[in-house]
Amino acid sequence: MTIRYVKLMLVIGAGLQALLYALQNMVNYEAGRGAVGYVLSRADHAVYPDSIVPMVTSDTLVTLAYLTIIAFETVGGAMVLAGAVRMGQSIGGTKRAFNASKWLALSGLGLLVFTWLGLFMAIGGAGFQMWQTDVGAGSLEGAFFYAVTSGLVMALVAQDEPCWADRVEKVDHRDRGWQEPEAPQG
């Protein structure tokens, strides 16, 4: 299996992860919105009861925050999966073509890393101190896993293709008098 197929599978996995979480958030809309509202209200914060970030209790703002999470997961996941289609279309092409096909997947992965690192870990974790409650800590832990996996996939996919990637298959013509040249020394 070539590295291109591995990259393609990782991209598909990351895209599916985001879309499935977005769909789960839609199916469990009231429960998810309630969890976001609970975190934004900073209820039950005993360890660090004070914060530089004000409590948010407005239904409109809570709904906007939850819809933002769902939108970012949906758009990011769709971008990643659309990028996987582009990568799949150029999987047998040149290094340059395959590298060029990665941009949409990498952009989507970047949006997903921002969603889980920026929204959940920075704003939710550091700003709203969501780690202080079981509901918030569970969400924060999940966001860490999703940010790390999306970031890892992004880092691996962004790597330039190896020098042999233009050679889809190694052809041995030795039985017809031709031998593959030795790699240059030095």
C-alpha atoms as a PDB file:
ATOM      1  CA  MET A   1       0.000   0.000   0.000  1.00  0.00           C
ATOM      2  CA  THR A   2       1.490   3.336  -0.946  1.00  0.00           C
ATOM      3  CA  ILE A   3       1.701   6.330   1.319  1.00  0.00           C
ATOM      4  CA  ARG A   4      -0.908   8.073  -0.828  1.00  0.00           C
ATOM      5  CA  TYR A   5      -3.528   5.475   0.060  1.00  0.00           C
ATOM      6  CA  VAL A   6      -2.642   5.778   3.730  1.00  0.00           C
ATOM      7  CA  LYS A   7      -3.043   9.559   3.549  1.00  0.00           C
ATOM      8  CA  LEU A   8      -6.350   9.177   1.746  1.00  0.00           C
ATOM      9  CA  MET A   9      -7.676   6.760   4.378  1.00  0.00           C
ATOM     10  CA  LEU A  10      -6.613   9.079   7.210  1.00  0.00           C
ATOM     11  CA  VAL A  11      -8.349  12.017   5.540  1.00  0.00           C
ATOM     12  CA  ILE A  12     -11.534   9.986   5.101  1.00  0.00           C
ATOM     13  CA  GLY A  13     -11.404   8.958   8.762  1.00  0.00           C
ATOM     14  CA  ALA A  14     -10.967  12.544   9.968  1.00  0.00           C
ATOM     15  CA  GLY A  15     -13.774  13.794   7.735  1.00  0.00           C
ATOM     16  CA  LEU A  16     -16.131  11.073   8.919  1.00  0.00           C
ATOM     17  CA  GLN A  17     -15.262  11.797  12.545  1.00  0.00           C
ATOM     18  CA  ALA A  18     -16.229  15.451  12.159  1.00  0.00           C
ATOM     19  CA  LEU A  19     -19.422  14.788  10.226  1.00  0.00           C
ATOM     20  CA  LEU A  20     -20.552  12.067  12.601  1.00  0.00           C
ATOM     21  CA  TYR A  21     -20.041  14.351  15.593  1.00  0.00           C
ATOM     22  CA  ALA A  22     -21.915  17.128  13.817  1.00  0.00           C
ATOM     23  CA  LEU A  23     -24.785  14.729  13.087  1.00  0.00           C
ATOM     24  CA  GLN A  24     -24.770  13.478  16.683  1.00  0.00           C
ATOM     25  CA  ASN A  25     -24.996  17.093  17.839  1.00  0.00           C
ATOM     26  CA  MET A  26     -27.960  17.643  15.528  1.00  0.00           C
ATOM     27  CA  VAL A  27     -29.765  14.476  16.631  1.00  0.00           C
ATOM     28  CA  ASN A  28     -29.174  15.365  20.290  1.00  0.00           C
ATOM     29  CA  TYR A  29     -29.801  19.068  19.780  1.00  0.00           C
ATOM     30  CA  GLU A  30     -31.493  19.900  23.096  1.00  0.00           C
ATOM     31  CA  ALA A  31     -29.029  17.901  25.193  1.00  0.00           C
ATOM     32  CA  GLY A  32     -26.038  19.420  23.380  1.00  0.00           C
ATOM     33  CA  ARG A  33     -27.420  22.922  23.576  1.00  0.00           C
ATOM     34  CA  GLY A  34     -28.044  22.340  27.282  1.00  0.00           C
ATOM     35  CA  ALA A  35     -24.455  21.222  27.801  1.00  0.00           C
ATOM     36  CA  VAL A  36     -23.127  24.304  25.994  1.00  0.00           C
ATOM     37  CA  GLY A  37     -25.449  26.503  28.055  1.00  0.00           C
ATOM     38  CA  TYR A  38     -24.249  24.834  31.240  1.00  0.00           C
ATOM     39  CA  VAL A  39     -20.598  25.448  30.324  1.00  0.00           C
ATOM     40  CA  LEU A  40     -21.196  29.058  29.262  1.00  0.00           C
ATOM     41  CA  SER A  41     -23.100  29.789  32.484  1.00  0.00           C
ATOM     42  CA  ARG A  42     -20.077  28.667  34.522  1.00  0.00           C
ATOM     43  CA  ALA A  43     -22.480  26.916  36.906  1.00  0.00           C
ATOM     44  CA  ASP A  44     -21.044  24.787  39.722  1.00  0.00           C
ATOM     45  CA  HIS A  45     -17.521  26.195  39.470  1.00  0.00           C
ATOM     46  CA  ALA A  46     -16.037  25.589  42.906  1.00  0.00           C
ATOM     47  CA  VAL A  47     -12.295  25.452  42.188  1.00  0.00           C
ATOM     48  CA  TYR A  48     -12.026  28.739  40.240  1.00  0.00           C
ATOM     49  CA  PRO A  49     -15.350  30.476  40.951  1.00  0.00           C
ATOM     50  CA  ASP A  50     -14.221  33.776  39.389  1.00  0.00           C
ATOM     51  CA  SER A  51     -13.288  34.302  35.766  1.00  0.00           C
ATOM     52  CA  ILE A  52     -12.222  37.064  33.431  1.00  0.00           C
ATOM     53  CA  VAL A  53     -14.874  35.788  30.994  1.00  0.00           C
ATOM     54  CA  PRO A  54     -18.430  36.790  31.889  1.00  0.00           C
ATOM     55  CA  MET A  55     -21.162  34.200  32.296  1.00  0.00           C
ATOM     56  CA  VAL A  56     -23.377  33.721  29.257  1.00  0.00           C
ATOM     57  CA  THR A  57     -26.989  32.901  30.060  1.00  0.00           C
ATOM     58  CA  SER A  58     -28.754  34.425  27.060  1.00  0.00           C
ATOM     59  CA  ASP A  59     -30.693  31.739  25.167  1.00  0.00           C
ATOM     60  CA  THR A  60     -29.821  33.470  21.909  1.00  0.00           C
ATOM     61  CA  LEU A  61     -26.088  33.463  22.602  1.00  0.00           C
ATOM     62  CA  VAL A  62     -26.121  29.860  23.824  1.00  0.00           C
ATOM     63  CA  THR A  63     -27.978  28.791  20.674  1.00  0.00           C
ATOM     64  CA  LEU A  64     -25.551  30.772  18.511  1.00  0.00           C
ATOM     65  CA  ALA A  65     -22.575  29.125  20.231  1.00  0.00           C
ATOM     66  CA  TYR A  66     -24.024  25.636  19.733  1.00  0.00           C
ATOM     67  CA  LEU A  67     -24.937  26.283  16.106  1.00  0.00           C
ATOM     68  CA  THR A  68     -21.400  27.604  15.524  1.00  0.00           C
ATOM     69  CA  ILE A  69     -19.953  24.345  16.830  1.00  0.00           C
ATOM     70  CA  ILE A  70     -22.255  22.291  14.601  1.00  0.00           C
ATOM     71  CA  ALA A  71     -21.523  24.503  11.586  1.00  0.00           C
ATOM     72  CA  PHE A  72     -17.755  24.301  12.024  1.00  0.00           C
ATOM     73  CA  GLU A  73     -17.860  20.507  12.431  1.00  0.00           C
ATOM     74  CA  THR A  74     -20.156  20.142   9.413  1.00  0.00           C
ATOM     75  CA  VAL A  75     -18.259  22.492   7.113  1.00  0.00           C
ATOM     76  CA  GLY A  76     -14.877  21.157   8.242  1.00  0.00           C
ATOM     77  CA  GLY A  77     -15.941  17.536   7.779  1.00  0.00           C
ATOM     78  CA  ALA A  78     -17.464  18.258   4.358  1.00  0.00           C
ATOM     79  CA  MET A  79     -14.308  20.075   3.254  1.00  0.00           C
ATOM     80  CA  VAL A  80     -12.144  17.177   4.393  1.00  0.00           C
ATOM     81  CA  LEU A  81     -14.283  14.591   2.592  1.00  0.00           C
ATOM     82  CA  ALA A  82     -14.438  16.732  -0.567  1.00  0.00           C
ATOM     83  CA  GLY A  83     -10.666  16.973  -0.299  1.00  0.00           C
ATOM     84  CA  ALA A  84     -10.508  13.187  -0.055  1.00  0.00           C
ATOM     85  CA  VAL A  85     -12.386  12.960  -3.362  1.00  0.00           C
ATOM     86  CA  ARG A  86      -9.869  15.333  -4.972  1.00  0.00           C
ATOM     87  CA  MET A  87      -6.977  13.330  -3.540  1.00  0.00           C
ATOM     88  CA  GLY A  88      -8.529  10.104  -4.774  1.00  0.00           C
ATOM     89  CA  GLN A  89      -8.846  11.536  -8.271  1.00  0.00           C
ATOM     90  CA  SER A  90      -5.142  12.333  -8.415  1.00  0.00           C
ATOM     91  CA  ILE A  91      -3.803   9.351  -6.493  1.00  0.00           C
ATOM     92  CA  GLY A  92      -2.106   7.888  -9.576  1.00  0.00           C
ATOM     93  CA  GLY A  93      -0.766  11.212 -10.811  1.00  0.00           C
ATOM     94  CA  THR A  94       2.482  13.030 -10.327  1.00  0.00           C
ATOM     95  CA  LYS A  95       3.785  14.245  -6.983  1.00  0.00           C
ATOM     96  CA  ARG A  96       2.933  17.786  -7.978  1.00  0.00           C
ATOM     97  CA  ALA A  97      -0.664  16.871  -8.901  1.00  0.00           C
ATOM     98  CA  PHE A  98      -1.205  14.851  -5.744  1.00  0.00           C
ATOM     99  CA  ASN A  99       0.280  17.549  -3.529  1.00  0.00           C
ATOM    100  CA  ALA A 100      -1.940  20.132  -5.208  1.00  0.00           C
ATOM    101  CA  SER A 101      -5.011  17.983  -4.571  1.00  0.00           C
ATOM    102  CA  LYS A 102      -4.512  18.124  -0.793  1.00  0.00           C
ATOM    103  CA  TRP A 103      -5.401  21.795  -0.281  1.00  0.00           C
ATOM    104  CA  LEU A 104      -9.110  21.313   0.403  1.00  0.00           C
ATOM    105  CA  ALA A 105      -8.552  18.445   2.854  1.00  0.00           C
ATOM    106  CA  LEU A 106      -5.824  20.420   4.635  1.00  0.00           C
ATOM    107  CA  SER A 107      -8.054  23.502   4.852  1.00  0.00           C
ATOM    108  CA  GLY A 108     -10.872  21.431   6.349  1.00  0.00           C
ATOM    109  CA  LEU A 109      -8.510  19.782   8.805  1.00  0.00           C
ATOM    110  CA  GLY A 110      -7.282  23.224   9.829  1.00  0.00           C
ATOM    111  CA  LEU A 111     -10.860  24.314  10.483  1.00  0.00           C
ATOM    112  CA  LEU A 112     -11.445  21.201  12.590  1.00  0.00           C
ATOM    113  CA  VAL A 113      -8.297  21.777  14.636  1.00  0.00           C
ATOM    114  CA  PHE A 114      -9.481  25.339  15.215  1.00  0.00           C
ATOM    115  CA  THR A 115     -12.928  24.103  16.225  1.00  0.00           C
ATOM    116  CA  TRP A 116     -11.670  21.717  18.866  1.00  0.00           C
ATOM    117  CA  LEU A 117      -8.558  23.604  19.942  1.00  0.00           C
ATOM    118  CA  GLY A 118      -9.789  27.164  19.548  1.00  0.00           C
ATOM    119  CA  LEU A 119     -13.454  26.893  20.470  1.00  0.00           C
ATOM    120  CA  PHE A 120     -13.442  24.052  22.984  1.00  0.00           C
ATOM    121  CA  MET A 121      -9.994  24.108  24.548  1.00  0.00           C
ATOM    122  CA  ALA A 122      -9.153  27.824  24.422  1.00  0.00           C
ATOM    123  CA  ILE A 123     -12.536  29.489  24.807  1.00  0.00           C
ATOM    124  CA  GLY A 124     -14.366  26.718  26.672  1.00  0.00           C
ATOM    125  CA  GLY A 125     -11.466  25.290  28.651  1.00  0.00           C
ATOM    126  CA  ALA A 126      -9.375  28.344  29.429  1.00  0.00           C
ATOM    127  CA  GLY A 127     -12.032  31.041  29.162  1.00  0.00           C
ATOM    128  CA  PHE A 128     -15.085  29.377  30.681  1.00  0.00           C
ATOM    129  CA  GLN A 129     -13.076  26.942  32.834  1.00  0.00           C
ATOM    130  CA  MET A 130     -15.187  24.007  31.664  1.00  0.00           C
ATOM    131  CA  TRP A 131     -12.768  21.532  33.226  1.00  0.00           C
ATOM    132  CA  GLN A 132     -14.354  22.211  36.634  1.00  0.00           C
ATOM    133  CA  THR A 133     -17.484  20.132  35.986  1.00  0.00           C
ATOM    134  CA  ASP A 134     -18.030  16.577  34.797  1.00  0.00           C
ATOM    135  CA  VAL A 135     -20.002  17.745  31.745  1.00  0.00           C
ATOM    136  CA  GLY A 136     -17.355  20.281  30.776  1.00  0.00           C
ATOM    137  CA  ALA A 137     -14.410  18.001  31.523  1.00  0.00           C
ATOM    138  CA  GLY A 138     -15.843  15.256  29.332  1.00  0.00           C
ATOM    139  CA  SER A 139     -16.319  17.665  26.445  1.00  0.00           C
ATOM    140  CA  LEU A 140     -12.866  19.127  26.938  1.00  0.00           C
ATOM    141  CA  GLU A 141     -11.277  15.669  26.963  1.00  0.00           C
ATOM    142  CA  GLY A 142     -13.092  14.719  23.768  1.00  0.00           C
ATOM    143  CA  ALA A 143     -12.083  17.991  22.111  1.00  0.00           C
ATOM    144  CA  PHE A 144      -8.445  17.261  22.949  1.00  0.00           C
ATOM    145  CA  PHE A 145      -8.644  13.864  21.236  1.00  0.00           C
ATOM    146  CA  TYR A 146     -10.357  15.304  18.162  1.00  0.00           C
ATOM    147  CA  ALA A 147      -7.928  18.225  17.888  1.00  0.00           C
ATOM    148  CA  VAL A 148      -4.922  15.936  18.206  1.00  0.00           C
ATOM    149  CA  THR A 149      -6.194  13.386  15.683  1.00  0.00           C
ATOM    150  CA  SER A 150      -7.178  16.070  13.179  1.00  0.00           C
ATOM    151  CA  GLY A 151      -3.857  17.848  13.694  1.00  0.00           C
ATOM    152  CA  LEU A 152      -1.899  14.633  13.316  1.00  0.00           C
ATOM    153  CA  VAL A 153      -3.715  13.776  10.091  1.00  0.00           C
ATOM    154  CA  MET A 154      -3.118  17.330   8.882  1.00  0.00           C
ATOM    155  CA  ALA A 155       0.607  17.110   9.633  1.00  0.00           C
ATOM    156  CA  LEU A 156       0.975  13.736   7.905  1.00  0.00           C
ATOM    157  CA  VAL A 157      -1.037  14.689   4.829  1.00  0.00           C
ATOM    158  CA  ALA A 158       0.832  17.990   4.478  1.00  0.00           C
ATOM    159  CA  GLN A 159       4.131  16.162   4.144  1.00  0.00           C
ATOM    160  CA  ASP A 160       5.573  16.277   0.651  1.00  0.00           C
ATOM    161  CA  GLU A 161       5.398  13.028  -1.242  1.00  0.00           C
ATOM    162  CA  PRO A 162       8.537  10.876  -1.110  1.00  0.00           C
ATOM    163  CA  CYS A 163      10.975  10.896  -4.027  1.00  0.00           C
ATOM    164  CA  TRP A 164       9.633   7.626  -5.405  1.00  0.00           C
ATOM    165  CA  ALA A 165       5.997   8.722  -5.380  1.00  0.00           C
ATOM    166  CA  ASP A 166       5.898   9.507  -9.124  1.00  0.00           C
ATOM    167  CA  ARG A 167       6.614   5.870  -9.803  1.00  0.00           C
ATOM    168  CA  VAL A 168       3.267   4.198  -9.398  1.00  0.00           C
ATOM    169  CA  GLU A 169       4.760   0.770  -9.875  1.00  0.00           C
ATOM    170  CA  LYS A 170       8.280  -0.493 -10.301  1.00  0.00           C
ATOM    171  CA  VAL A 171       8.706  -2.037 -13.705  1.00  0.00           C
ATOM    172  CA  ASP A 172      11.422  -4.623 -14.133  1.00  0.00           C
ATOM    173  CA  HIS A 173      12.580  -4.905 -17.729  1.00  0.00           C
ATOM    174  CA  ARG A 174      15.699  -6.919 -16.962  1.00  0.00           C
ATOM    175  CA  ASP A 175      14.421  -9.890 -18.906  1.00  0.00           C
ATOM    176  CA  ARG A 176      14.481  -7.628 -21.998  1.00  0.00           C
ATOM    177  CA  GLY A 177      18.013  -6.371 -21.458  1.00  0.00           C
ATOM    178  CA  TRP A 178      17.307  -3.224 -19.452  1.00  0.00           C
ATOM    179  CA  GLN A 179      18.250  -2.744 -15.842  1.00  0.00           C
ATOM    180  CA  GLU A 180      17.159  -0.014 -13.563  1.00  0.00           C
ATOM    181  CA  PRO A 181      19.964   2.475 -13.020  1.00  0.00           C
ATOM    182  CA  GLU A 182      21.648   2.695  -9.655  1.00  0.00           C
ATOM    183  CA  ALA A 183      20.807   5.667  -7.490  1.00  0.00           C
ATOM    184  CA  PRO A 184      23.435   8.416  -7.740  1.00  0.00           C
ATOM    185  CA  GLN A 185      26.100   8.282  -5.054  1.00  0.00           C
ATOM    186  CA  GLY A 186      27.099  11.310  -3.051  1.00  0.00           C
END
